[in-house]
Amino acid sequence: MIFTDIATDGMLSGPNFAALEKVLAITRCEVISSGGVATIEHVRQLAAIPGLHGAIIGKALFDGTVDLAEAVAVANAGSDAKGAV
């Protein structure tokens, strides 16, 4: 399941971590976060969330604020969902 916070999508303001954690608490689905990622630190924070299966990064890649290779490495190093990135 892709959880997109439309208030943060494309805003480069950071993911809505509180809402994402609520979604993870009430579902058994594999959840992918979407919306708000602007920095490699956001990727690192998302990767550390237990049960999160992945993240979609769009505008940050397009604008160059996140490097794809670095994001994949950081996500794989900090996540239980290795290979899903």
C-alpha atoms as a PDB file:
ATOM      1  CA  MET A   1       0.000   0.000   0.000  1.00  0.00           C
ATOM      2  CA  ILE A   2       1.292   3.470  -0.829  1.00  0.00           C
ATOM      3  CA  PHE A   3       0.557   6.069   1.833  1.00  0.00           C
ATOM      4  CA  THR A   4       0.719   9.547   0.287  1.00  0.00           C
ATOM      5  CA  ASP A   5       0.314  12.588   2.457  1.00  0.00           C
ATOM      6  CA  ILE A   6      -1.063  15.006  -0.147  1.00  0.00           C
ATOM      7  CA  ALA A   7      -0.263  17.958   2.121  1.00  0.00           C
ATOM      8  CA  THR A   8       3.463  17.224   1.847  1.00  0.00           C
ATOM      9  CA  ASP A   9       3.652  15.646  -1.621  1.00  0.00           C
ATOM     10  CA  GLY A  10       5.976  17.733  -3.786  1.00  0.00           C
ATOM     11  CA  MET A  11       6.523  20.297  -1.030  1.00  0.00           C
ATOM     12  CA  LEU A  12      10.001  19.166   0.088  1.00  0.00           C
ATOM     13  CA  SER A  13       8.858  19.858   3.646  1.00  0.00           C
ATOM     14  CA  GLY A  14       9.546  16.438   5.143  1.00  0.00           C
ATOM     15  CA  PRO A  15       7.355  13.370   5.461  1.00  0.00           C
ATOM     16  CA  ASN A  16       4.421  13.297   7.859  1.00  0.00           C
ATOM     17  CA  PHE A  17       6.059  10.848  10.268  1.00  0.00           C
ATOM     18  CA  ALA A  18       3.199  10.920  12.793  1.00  0.00           C
ATOM     19  CA  ALA A  19       0.544   9.983  10.234  1.00  0.00           C
ATOM     20  CA  LEU A  20       2.803   7.348   8.705  1.00  0.00           C
ATOM     21  CA  GLU A  21       3.359   5.686  12.064  1.00  0.00           C
ATOM     22  CA  LYS A  22      -0.429   5.659  12.674  1.00  0.00           C
ATOM     23  CA  VAL A  23      -0.969   3.943   9.310  1.00  0.00           C
ATOM     24  CA  LEU A  24       1.691   1.358  10.123  1.00  0.00           C
ATOM     25  CA  ALA A  25       0.054   0.682  13.483  1.00  0.00           C
ATOM     26  CA  ILE A  26      -3.358  -0.136  11.997  1.00  0.00           C
ATOM     27  CA  THR A  27      -2.455  -2.189   8.930  1.00  0.00           C
ATOM     28  CA  ARG A  28      -0.713  -5.433   8.112  1.00  0.00           C
ATOM     29  CA  CYS A  29       0.002  -4.317   4.554  1.00  0.00           C
ATOM     30  CA  GLU A  30       3.463  -3.569   3.272  1.00  0.00           C
ATOM     31  CA  VAL A  31       3.441   0.233   3.393  1.00  0.00           C
ATOM     32  CA  ILE A  32       5.439   2.549   1.148  1.00  0.00           C
ATOM     33  CA  SER A  33       5.674   6.191   2.189  1.00  0.00           C
ATOM     34  CA  SER A  34       5.222   8.981  -0.336  1.00  0.00           C
ATOM     35  CA  GLY A  35       5.369  12.730   0.051  1.00  0.00           C
ATOM     36  CA  GLY A  36       7.691  15.307   1.516  1.00  0.00           C
ATOM     37  CA  VAL A  37      11.148  13.748   1.231  1.00  0.00           C
ATOM     38  CA  ALA A  38      13.661  16.565   0.717  1.00  0.00           C
ATOM     39  CA  THR A  39      16.927  15.381   2.253  1.00  0.00           C
ATOM     40  CA  ILE A  40      19.005  12.278   2.771  1.00  0.00           C
ATOM     41  CA  GLU A  41      18.211  12.654   6.481  1.00  0.00           C
ATOM     42  CA  HIS A  42      14.519  12.148   5.682  1.00  0.00           C
ATOM     43  CA  VAL A  43      15.483   8.916   3.894  1.00  0.00           C
ATOM     44  CA  ARG A  44      17.511   7.852   6.933  1.00  0.00           C
ATOM     45  CA  GLN A  45      14.577   8.584   9.271  1.00  0.00           C
ATOM     46  CA  LEU A  46      12.139   6.670   7.067  1.00  0.00           C
ATOM     47  CA  ALA A  47      14.493   3.683   6.834  1.00  0.00           C
ATOM     48  CA  ALA A  48      14.617   3.500  10.624  1.00  0.00           C
ATOM     49  CA  ILE A  49      10.844   3.123  10.986  1.00  0.00           C
ATOM     50  CA  PRO A  50      10.018  -0.510  11.814  1.00  0.00           C
ATOM     51  CA  GLY A  51       7.667  -2.111   9.320  1.00  0.00           C
ATOM     52  CA  LEU A  52       8.011   0.510   6.598  1.00  0.00           C
ATOM     53  CA  HIS A  53       8.609  -1.244   3.297  1.00  0.00           C
ATOM     54  CA  GLY A  54       9.902   1.654   1.198  1.00  0.00           C
ATOM     55  CA  ALA A  55       9.659   5.283   0.183  1.00  0.00           C
ATOM     56  CA  ILE A  56       8.909   7.183  -2.994  1.00  0.00           C
ATOM     57  CA  ILE A  57      11.172  10.126  -3.700  1.00  0.00           C
ATOM     58  CA  GLY A  58      10.203  12.352  -6.591  1.00  0.00           C
ATOM     59  CA  LYS A  59      10.794  16.077  -6.522  1.00  0.00           C
ATOM     60  CA  ALA A  60      13.924  15.795  -4.355  1.00  0.00           C
ATOM     61  CA  LEU A  61      15.550  13.664  -7.055  1.00  0.00           C
ATOM     62  CA  PHE A  62      14.388  15.993  -9.805  1.00  0.00           C
ATOM     63  CA  ASP A  63      15.615  19.088  -7.930  1.00  0.00           C
ATOM     64  CA  GLY A  64      18.883  17.396  -6.948  1.00  0.00           C
ATOM     65  CA  THR A  65      18.480  17.704  -3.175  1.00  0.00           C
ATOM     66  CA  VAL A  66      18.762  13.906  -2.854  1.00  0.00           C
ATOM     67  CA  ASP A  67      21.182  11.688  -4.776  1.00  0.00           C
ATOM     68  CA  LEU A  68      19.558   8.405  -5.859  1.00  0.00           C
ATOM     69  CA  ALA A  69      22.597   6.194  -5.245  1.00  0.00           C
ATOM     70  CA  GLU A  70      23.105   7.665  -1.783  1.00  0.00           C
ATOM     71  CA  ALA A  71      19.392   7.314  -0.979  1.00  0.00           C
ATOM     72  CA  VAL A  72      19.389   3.644  -1.965  1.00  0.00           C
ATOM     73  CA  ALA A  73      22.513   2.975   0.106  1.00  0.00           C
ATOM     74  CA  VAL A  74      21.147   4.803   3.157  1.00  0.00           C
ATOM     75  CA  ALA A  75      17.752   3.111   2.887  1.00  0.00           C
ATOM     76  CA  ASN A  76      19.226  -0.356   2.505  1.00  0.00           C
ATOM     77  CA  ALA A  77      21.621   0.178   5.417  1.00  0.00           C
ATOM     78  CA  GLY A  78      18.887   1.334   7.796  1.00  0.00           C
ATOM     79  CA  SER A  79      15.874  -0.735   6.758  1.00  0.00           C
ATOM     80  CA  ASP A  80      14.522  -4.224   7.303  1.00  0.00           C
ATOM     81  CA  ALA A  81      13.112  -4.090   3.757  1.00  0.00           C
ATOM     82  CA  LYS A  82      16.464  -4.623   2.049  1.00  0.00           C
ATOM     83  CA  GLY A  83      16.087  -4.953  -1.689  1.00  0.00           C
ATOM     84  CA  ALA A  84      12.727  -3.196  -1.736  1.00  0.00           C
ATOM     85  CA  VAL A  85      14.383   0.161  -2.375  1.00  0.00           C
END
